[in-house]
Amino acid sequence: MIAAPRTGFVFEELYLWHHTGAPAGVMPHGLTVEPGEHLESPQSKRRIRNVLEVSGLLDSLVRVRAEYVDEDYLTRFHTRDHVSRVRELSKGNGGDAGIMTPFGRGGFDIARLSAGGTKCAVESVLTGTVDNAYALVRPPGHHAERDQGRGFCLFGNIALAVMHARAAHGVGRVAVVDWDVHHGNGTEQAFYEERDVLTLSIHQDGLFPRDTGGLASNGAGAGKGSNLNLPLPPGSGEGAYLAAFERVVIPALHRFKPELIVVASGFDAAGMDPLGRMMLHSDVYRAMTRMLLIAARELCNGRLVLSHEGGYSPWQAPYCALAVMEELSGIRTGMDDPFLPMVRGWAQQDLQPHQAAAIDMAARLVDSIAK
């Protein structure tokens, strides 16, 4: 009998204390906009952790503690000015780290702990402490750019962890697969001219950021061909995402042959998410995780790390996360997703012709990835 994999899990209570203010969703409040709650709130993350506990799966995961990273770690990617600005604002009442990235007092330190959570998850896999790992970190990171925060992200958690893995652990090729509904512009920027880091983002076409994520953004210089975007039409569901994995993601990984696979794991392509217009359900996330696990075993001794990004439905996101964690750990808890029958039953979950056309366009770029 094959033993169940050891799956690491990073989560710190302080992640839930990251404060994003009281806008109406993402709109700043004022005399014409009543204050409410920011969509990037603790709720979905807290409920993910709670569902893992109630299902019984949490007890079978290996606790991986996060650590605070220092400013030298952050400046492997970010400018000193950006890091210093966030630090100084954090000493007061906070502010905005750049574009649509509000944070409160102490946000700098929580963001350092978030970056450290992804770092520790990667290290736990590289050192063999666990077989794979999930970092349920907050604030997220894949939109953060070199000189500014963006889209709720202060620092590039995954970009920084990949840089650390390569510099401190001698890892050669790394592939980053981003299934968040929004384009992973920050991770793309970090490695756009890097041959040995493949960045692959599947996202809703033209959602956020609107000025990034097109097919033509394919890397530059030594990194030409090592950045691959797959912008899918709004309304894409199970058929489109599974076809995208079968025709683009998995072939790209096999061509690139990474030594480590890192996933920017957003659950905002789920059908009930308020910030996306896609139609995924938990079984799609389960299937995508399964395909990545198989690829990781074939290509890089199973070294697979997922770091949490978006996902703003406090109801559906926890069950998507549970499906991913069950697949990573090889343990079925028997806890059903109550939203699965409804979302799976929505019309046009199968692959549509216009979605297939978009996938085929991206598939033509796979052969340009440097071997």
Protein backbone atom coordinates (compact mmCIF):
# COMPACT_ATOMS: atom_id res chain seq x y z
CA MET A 1 0.00 0.00 0.00
CA ILE A 2 1.28 3.46 -0.92
CA ALA A 3 1.42 5.73 2.12
CA ALA A 4 -0.63 8.92 2.04
CA PRO A 5 1.52 11.95 1.34
CA ARG A 6 2.53 14.22 4.17
CA THR A 7 0.89 17.54 3.47
CA GLY A 8 2.13 20.68 5.18
CA PHE A 9 -0.24 23.46 6.18
CA VAL A 10 0.69 27.05 6.98
CA PHE A 11 -1.77 29.25 8.82
CA GLU A 12 -1.31 31.95 11.43
CA GLU A 13 -4.05 33.71 13.37
CA LEU A 14 -2.34 37.03 12.69
CA TYR A 15 -3.20 36.69 8.99
CA LEU A 16 -6.80 37.35 9.95
CA TRP A 17 -5.81 40.57 11.69
CA HIS A 18 -4.69 42.21 8.44
CA HIS A 19 -7.11 45.13 8.15
CA THR A 20 -8.41 46.40 4.80
CA GLY A 21 -10.79 49.06 6.07
CA ALA A 22 -14.51 49.59 5.56
CA PRO A 23 -15.23 50.24 1.88
CA ALA A 24 -18.29 48.99 0.04
CA GLY A 25 -16.70 45.87 -1.43
CA VAL A 26 -13.70 47.53 -3.01
CA MET A 27 -15.09 51.07 -3.35
CA PRO A 28 -13.90 53.68 -0.82
CA HIS A 29 -16.69 54.88 1.40
CA GLY A 30 -17.76 58.51 1.54
CA LEU A 31 -20.78 60.75 1.50
CA THR A 32 -22.30 58.82 -1.40
CA VAL A 33 -20.98 55.34 -0.55
CA GLU A 34 -22.03 53.81 2.76
CA PRO A 35 -19.21 52.08 4.66
CA GLY A 36 -19.31 48.30 4.66
CA GLU A 37 -16.70 45.57 4.54
CA HIS A 38 -13.81 45.10 2.15
CA LEU A 39 -14.16 41.98 0.01
CA GLU A 40 -10.60 40.99 0.93
CA SER A 41 -11.69 40.34 4.50
CA PRO A 42 -10.72 37.55 6.91
CA GLN A 43 -13.99 35.70 6.40
CA SER A 44 -13.22 33.29 3.57
CA LYS A 45 -9.79 32.46 5.00
CA ARG A 46 -11.17 31.86 8.49
CA ARG A 47 -13.90 29.66 7.09
CA ILE A 48 -11.39 27.64 5.05
CA ARG A 49 -9.47 26.85 8.21
CA ASN A 50 -12.73 26.10 10.05
CA VAL A 51 -13.96 23.67 7.38
CA LEU A 52 -10.63 21.87 7.51
CA GLU A 53 -11.07 21.46 11.27
CA VAL A 54 -14.74 20.43 11.18
CA SER A 55 -14.07 17.90 8.43
CA GLY A 56 -11.34 16.30 10.55
CA LEU A 57 -8.66 16.85 7.90
CA LEU A 58 -6.76 19.48 9.88
CA ASP A 59 -5.55 16.84 12.35
CA SER A 60 -3.90 14.90 9.53
CA LEU A 61 -1.94 17.87 8.17
CA VAL A 62 1.60 18.76 9.22
CA ARG A 63 1.71 22.16 10.88
CA VAL A 64 4.32 24.39 9.26
CA ARG A 65 4.96 27.59 11.20
CA ALA A 66 5.52 30.82 9.32
CA GLU A 67 8.36 33.18 10.09
CA TYR A 68 8.81 36.90 9.60
CA VAL A 69 11.05 37.69 6.66
CA ASP A 70 13.37 40.68 6.84
CA GLU A 71 13.70 43.65 4.50
CA ASP A 72 16.66 42.15 2.67
CA TYR A 73 14.42 39.23 1.73
CA LEU A 74 11.70 41.60 0.48
CA THR A 75 14.15 43.63 -1.62
CA ARG A 76 15.15 40.62 -3.66
CA PHE A 77 12.16 41.67 -5.72
CA HIS A 78 10.79 44.94 -4.36
CA THR A 79 12.43 48.36 -4.31
CA ARG A 80 13.70 49.78 -1.03
CA ASP A 81 11.36 52.72 -1.49
CA HIS A 82 8.29 50.47 -1.67
CA VAL A 83 9.31 48.44 1.37
CA SER A 84 10.16 51.58 3.38
CA ARG A 85 6.89 53.29 2.47
CA VAL A 86 4.78 50.34 3.62
CA ARG A 87 6.83 50.07 6.82
CA GLU A 88 6.40 53.72 7.71
CA LEU A 89 2.68 53.82 6.93
CA SER A 90 2.26 50.70 9.03
CA LYS A 91 3.63 52.50 12.09
CA GLY A 92 0.68 54.89 11.94
CA ASN A 93 -2.83 54.08 10.84
CA GLY A 94 -1.78 52.41 7.60
CA GLY A 95 -2.75 53.62 4.15
CA ASP A 96 -2.59 52.28 0.62
CA ALA A 97 0.45 50.31 -0.50
CA GLY A 98 -0.08 51.32 -4.12
CA ILE A 99 -3.14 50.60 -6.23
CA MET A 100 -6.22 49.26 -4.42
CA THR A 101 -4.14 47.84 -1.56
CA PRO A 102 -5.41 49.25 1.73
CA PHE A 103 -3.91 48.15 5.02
CA GLY A 104 -4.02 49.19 8.64
CA ARG A 105 -1.65 49.56 11.57
CA GLY A 106 0.83 46.70 11.72
CA GLY A 107 0.11 45.64 8.14
CA PHE A 108 3.80 45.66 7.24
CA ASP A 109 4.60 42.99 9.80
CA ILE A 110 1.62 40.84 8.87
CA ALA A 111 2.69 41.07 5.23
CA ARG A 112 6.21 40.00 6.25
CA LEU A 113 4.65 37.01 8.00
CA SER A 114 2.57 36.23 4.90
CA ALA A 115 5.65 36.24 2.70
CA GLY A 116 7.35 34.13 5.34
CA GLY A 117 4.51 31.64 5.30
CA THR A 118 4.98 30.97 1.60
CA LYS A 119 8.74 30.80 2.09
CA CYS A 120 8.40 28.23 4.89
CA ALA A 121 5.94 26.14 2.87
CA VAL A 122 8.43 25.97 0.00
CA GLU A 123 11.29 25.13 2.36
CA SER A 124 9.29 22.37 4.04
CA VAL A 125 8.90 20.66 0.67
CA LEU A 126 12.45 21.26 -0.50
CA THR A 127 13.90 19.83 2.72
CA GLY A 128 11.62 16.79 2.63
CA THR A 129 9.82 17.67 5.86
CA VAL A 130 6.57 17.20 3.91
CA ASP A 131 5.71 15.95 0.44
CA ASN A 132 3.58 18.92 -0.57
CA ALA A 133 2.21 21.98 1.19
CA TYR A 134 -0.50 24.62 1.25
CA ALA A 135 0.15 28.10 2.67
CA LEU A 136 -3.13 29.76 3.71
CA VAL A 137 -1.54 33.19 3.90
CA ARG A 138 -2.95 36.70 3.96
CA PRO A 139 -2.46 39.32 2.54
CA PRO A 140 -2.12 37.75 -0.90
CA GLY A 141 0.79 38.50 -3.21
CA HIS A 142 0.53 37.79 -6.93
CA HIS A 143 -0.45 41.35 -7.95
CA ALA A 144 2.32 43.11 -6.00
CA GLU A 145 4.79 44.76 -8.36
CA ARG A 146 8.40 45.70 -7.93
CA ASP A 147 7.71 49.25 -6.78
CA GLN A 148 4.12 49.15 -5.52
CA GLY A 149 1.38 47.05 -4.02
CA ARG A 150 -1.58 46.30 -6.24
CA GLY A 151 -4.92 44.53 -6.04
CA PHE A 152 -4.84 43.80 -2.25
CA CYS A 153 -1.24 42.48 -2.48
CA LEU A 154 1.57 44.19 -0.55
CA PHE A 155 4.51 41.92 -1.34
CA GLY A 156 5.04 39.15 -3.90
CA ASN A 157 4.81 36.09 -1.67
CA ILE A 158 5.38 33.53 -4.41
CA ALA A 159 7.89 35.54 -6.42
CA LEU A 160 10.01 36.05 -3.31
CA ALA A 161 9.78 32.39 -2.29
CA VAL A 162 10.87 31.27 -5.75
CA MET A 163 13.83 33.65 -5.66
CA HIS A 164 14.76 32.31 -2.24
CA ALA A 165 14.46 28.69 -3.35
CA ARG A 166 16.80 29.31 -6.23
CA ALA A 167 19.33 31.37 -4.26
CA ALA A 168 19.37 29.46 -0.97
CA HIS A 169 18.45 25.91 -1.98
CA GLY A 170 20.04 25.60 -5.41
CA VAL A 171 16.77 24.96 -7.19
CA GLY A 172 17.15 25.38 -10.94
CA ARG A 173 13.90 25.54 -12.88
CA VAL A 174 10.67 26.56 -11.17
CA ALA A 175 7.18 26.67 -12.68
CA VAL A 176 4.49 28.93 -11.25
CA VAL A 177 0.91 28.03 -12.20
CA ASP A 178 -1.60 30.75 -11.34
CA TRP A 179 -5.27 29.69 -11.37
CA ASP A 180 -6.58 32.81 -9.62
CA VAL A 181 -9.33 34.47 -11.69
CA HIS A 182 -7.17 37.60 -11.96
CA HIS A 183 -3.92 37.81 -13.90
CA GLY A 184 -0.73 37.20 -11.91
CA ASN A 185 0.90 40.40 -13.08
CA GLY A 186 3.37 40.74 -10.21
CA THR A 187 4.80 37.23 -10.57
CA GLU A 188 4.99 37.80 -14.32
CA GLN A 189 6.94 41.02 -13.80
CA ALA A 190 9.39 39.35 -11.42
CA PHE A 191 10.47 36.74 -13.96
CA TYR A 192 9.60 38.25 -17.33
CA GLU A 193 13.21 38.10 -18.54
CA GLU A 194 14.11 34.92 -16.68
CA ARG A 195 14.63 31.75 -18.70
CA ASP A 196 14.50 29.31 -15.81
CA VAL A 197 11.19 30.37 -14.23
CA LEU A 198 8.03 29.53 -16.14
CA THR A 199 5.08 31.74 -15.20
CA LEU A 200 1.73 30.49 -16.44
CA SER A 201 -1.48 32.35 -15.61
CA ILE A 202 -5.02 31.18 -16.37
CA HIS A 203 -7.40 34.07 -15.74
CA GLN A 204 -10.56 35.81 -16.85
CA ASP A 205 -9.79 37.90 -19.89
CA GLY A 206 -9.55 41.64 -19.20
CA LEU A 207 -10.68 41.48 -15.58
CA PHE A 208 -7.77 42.70 -13.41
CA PRO A 209 -5.38 44.23 -14.11
CA ARG A 210 -6.93 45.24 -17.40
CA ASP A 211 -3.60 46.29 -18.90
CA THR A 212 -1.84 42.94 -18.38
CA GLY A 213 -2.35 39.25 -19.07
CA GLY A 214 -2.61 39.10 -22.85
CA LEU A 215 -1.34 36.30 -25.05
CA ALA A 216 1.27 38.60 -26.57
CA SER A 217 2.99 38.98 -23.18
CA ASN A 218 5.24 36.00 -23.67
CA GLY A 219 8.46 37.01 -21.92
CA ALA A 220 11.41 39.04 -23.13
CA GLY A 221 15.15 38.66 -23.56
CA ALA A 222 16.40 35.43 -22.05
CA GLY A 223 12.87 34.81 -20.79
CA LYS A 224 11.24 34.88 -24.20
CA GLY A 225 8.70 32.05 -24.23
CA SER A 226 8.86 31.44 -20.47
CA ASN A 227 5.79 33.53 -19.68
CA LEU A 228 2.49 32.12 -20.83
CA ASN A 229 -0.90 33.75 -20.37
CA LEU A 230 -4.21 32.02 -20.99
CA PRO A 231 -6.99 34.64 -20.83
CA LEU A 232 -10.31 32.79 -20.82
CA PRO A 233 -13.68 34.35 -21.73
CA PRO A 234 -16.04 35.24 -18.88
CA GLY A 235 -18.41 32.39 -18.13
CA SER A 236 -15.80 29.66 -18.51
CA GLY A 237 -16.49 26.61 -16.40
CA GLU A 238 -15.48 23.00 -15.91
CA GLY A 239 -14.97 22.16 -19.59
CA ALA A 240 -12.83 25.19 -20.33
CA TYR A 241 -10.55 24.88 -17.31
CA LEU A 242 -9.97 21.16 -17.68
CA ALA A 243 -9.27 21.63 -21.39
CA ALA A 244 -6.85 24.44 -20.53
CA PHE A 245 -4.98 22.11 -18.18
CA GLU A 246 -4.95 19.23 -20.63
CA ARG A 247 -3.93 21.27 -23.68
CA VAL A 248 -1.75 24.00 -22.16
CA VAL A 249 -0.74 23.68 -18.51
CA ILE A 250 0.36 20.04 -18.37
CA PRO A 251 2.11 20.08 -21.79
CA ALA A 252 3.89 23.30 -20.77
CA LEU A 253 5.13 21.72 -17.54
CA HIS A 254 6.39 18.64 -19.37
CA ARG A 255 8.22 20.75 -21.90
CA PHE A 256 9.75 23.00 -19.22
CA LYS A 257 10.66 20.19 -16.78
CA PRO A 258 10.68 22.15 -13.49
CA GLU A 259 12.36 21.06 -10.29
CA LEU A 260 9.57 22.67 -8.24
CA ILE A 261 5.97 23.64 -9.02
CA VAL A 262 4.32 26.49 -7.12
CA VAL A 263 0.63 27.32 -7.51
CA ALA A 264 -0.93 30.73 -6.97
CA SER A 265 -4.12 29.30 -5.53
CA GLY A 266 -7.06 31.66 -5.83
CA PHE A 267 -10.61 30.38 -5.50
CA ASP A 268 -12.18 33.43 -7.15
CA ALA A 269 -12.89 31.56 -10.39
CA ALA A 270 -15.54 29.73 -8.37
CA GLY A 271 -19.07 30.33 -9.54
CA MET A 272 -20.26 32.21 -6.47
CA ASP A 273 -17.32 34.59 -6.16
CA PRO A 274 -18.25 38.30 -6.18
CA LEU A 275 -15.09 39.43 -8.02
CA GLY A 276 -15.05 36.95 -10.90
CA ARG A 277 -17.46 35.81 -13.58
CA MET A 278 -16.36 32.21 -13.98
CA MET A 279 -18.25 29.04 -13.05
CA LEU A 280 -15.89 26.66 -11.28
CA HIS A 281 -16.95 24.25 -8.57
CA SER A 282 -14.94 22.31 -6.04
CA ASP A 283 -14.51 19.23 -8.23
CA VAL A 284 -12.72 21.31 -10.86
CA TYR A 285 -10.21 22.46 -8.26
CA ARG A 286 -9.89 18.85 -7.16
CA ALA A 287 -9.20 17.72 -10.73
CA MET A 288 -6.67 20.49 -11.40
CA THR A 289 -4.84 19.61 -8.19
CA ARG A 290 -4.79 15.94 -9.18
CA MET A 291 -3.28 16.77 -12.58
CA LEU A 292 -0.60 18.91 -10.96
CA LEU A 293 0.23 16.20 -8.43
CA ILE A 294 0.72 13.68 -11.23
CA ALA A 295 2.88 16.13 -13.18
CA ALA A 296 4.93 16.93 -10.07
CA ARG A 297 5.56 13.24 -9.39
CA GLU A 298 6.64 12.69 -12.99
CA LEU A 299 8.81 15.80 -13.23
CA CYS A 300 10.14 16.94 -9.85
CA ASN A 301 9.81 14.21 -7.24
CA GLY A 302 6.36 15.45 -6.25
CA ARG A 303 7.55 18.86 -5.10
CA LEU A 304 4.37 20.91 -5.20
CA VAL A 305 3.51 23.99 -3.10
CA LEU A 306 0.30 26.03 -3.17
CA SER A 307 0.11 29.56 -1.78
CA HIS A 308 -3.25 31.21 -1.22
CA GLU A 309 -4.23 34.27 -3.26
CA GLY A 310 -7.85 35.38 -3.89
CA GLY A 311 -11.25 33.86 -3.28
CA TYR A 312 -13.96 36.08 -1.85
CA SER A 313 -17.00 33.89 -1.37
CA PRO A 314 -17.01 32.95 2.33
CA TRP A 315 -19.50 30.20 1.49
CA GLN A 316 -18.10 28.42 -1.55
CA ALA A 317 -14.36 29.03 -1.24
CA PRO A 318 -13.92 26.80 1.85
CA TYR A 319 -15.26 23.77 -0.01
CA CYS A 320 -12.99 24.46 -2.98
CA ALA A 321 -10.08 24.59 -0.56
CA LEU A 322 -11.20 21.38 1.15
CA ALA A 323 -11.24 19.59 -2.23
CA VAL A 324 -7.69 20.77 -2.91
CA MET A 325 -6.48 19.74 0.53
CA GLU A 326 -8.13 16.32 0.27
CA GLU A 327 -6.38 15.76 -3.03
CA LEU A 328 -3.00 16.91 -1.72
CA SER A 329 -3.24 14.72 1.36
CA GLY A 330 -4.88 11.71 -0.28
CA ILE A 331 -7.54 11.74 2.45
CA ARG A 332 -11.27 11.92 1.72
CA THR A 333 -13.13 13.28 4.71
CA GLY A 334 -16.64 12.50 3.54
CA MET A 335 -17.68 16.12 4.01
CA ASP A 336 -19.85 17.09 1.04
CA ASP A 337 -19.75 20.43 -0.75
CA PRO A 338 -23.35 21.67 -0.54
CA PHE A 339 -22.80 24.06 -3.44
CA LEU A 340 -21.41 21.47 -5.84
CA PRO A 341 -24.70 20.16 -7.36
CA MET A 342 -26.00 23.67 -7.98
CA VAL A 343 -22.89 25.11 -9.62
CA ARG A 344 -22.11 21.95 -11.59
CA GLY A 345 -25.66 22.07 -12.97
CA TRP A 346 -25.37 25.57 -14.43
CA ALA A 347 -25.76 25.77 -18.20
CA GLN A 348 -22.69 25.76 -20.46
CA GLN A 349 -20.34 24.10 -18.00
CA ASP A 350 -19.04 22.10 -20.95
CA LEU A 351 -16.38 23.51 -23.25
CA GLN A 352 -17.80 26.15 -25.61
CA PRO A 353 -16.37 26.88 -29.10
CA HIS A 354 -15.18 30.40 -28.24
CA GLN A 355 -13.45 29.06 -25.13
CA ALA A 356 -11.78 26.30 -27.14
CA ALA A 357 -10.51 28.92 -29.59
CA ALA A 358 -8.86 30.88 -26.77
CA ILE A 359 -7.26 27.72 -25.39
CA ASP A 360 -5.97 26.70 -28.81
CA MET A 361 -4.30 30.09 -29.25
CA ALA A 362 -2.43 29.65 -25.98
CA ALA A 363 -1.57 26.03 -26.82
CA ARG A 364 0.36 27.24 -29.89
CA LEU A 365 2.76 29.03 -27.53
CA VAL A 366 3.77 25.92 -25.61
CA ASP A 367 6.40 24.99 -28.18
CA SER A 368 8.10 28.36 -27.63
CA ILE A 369 8.97 27.47 -24.01
CA ALA A 370 12.70 27.05 -23.66
CA LYS A 371 13.72 23.48 -22.89
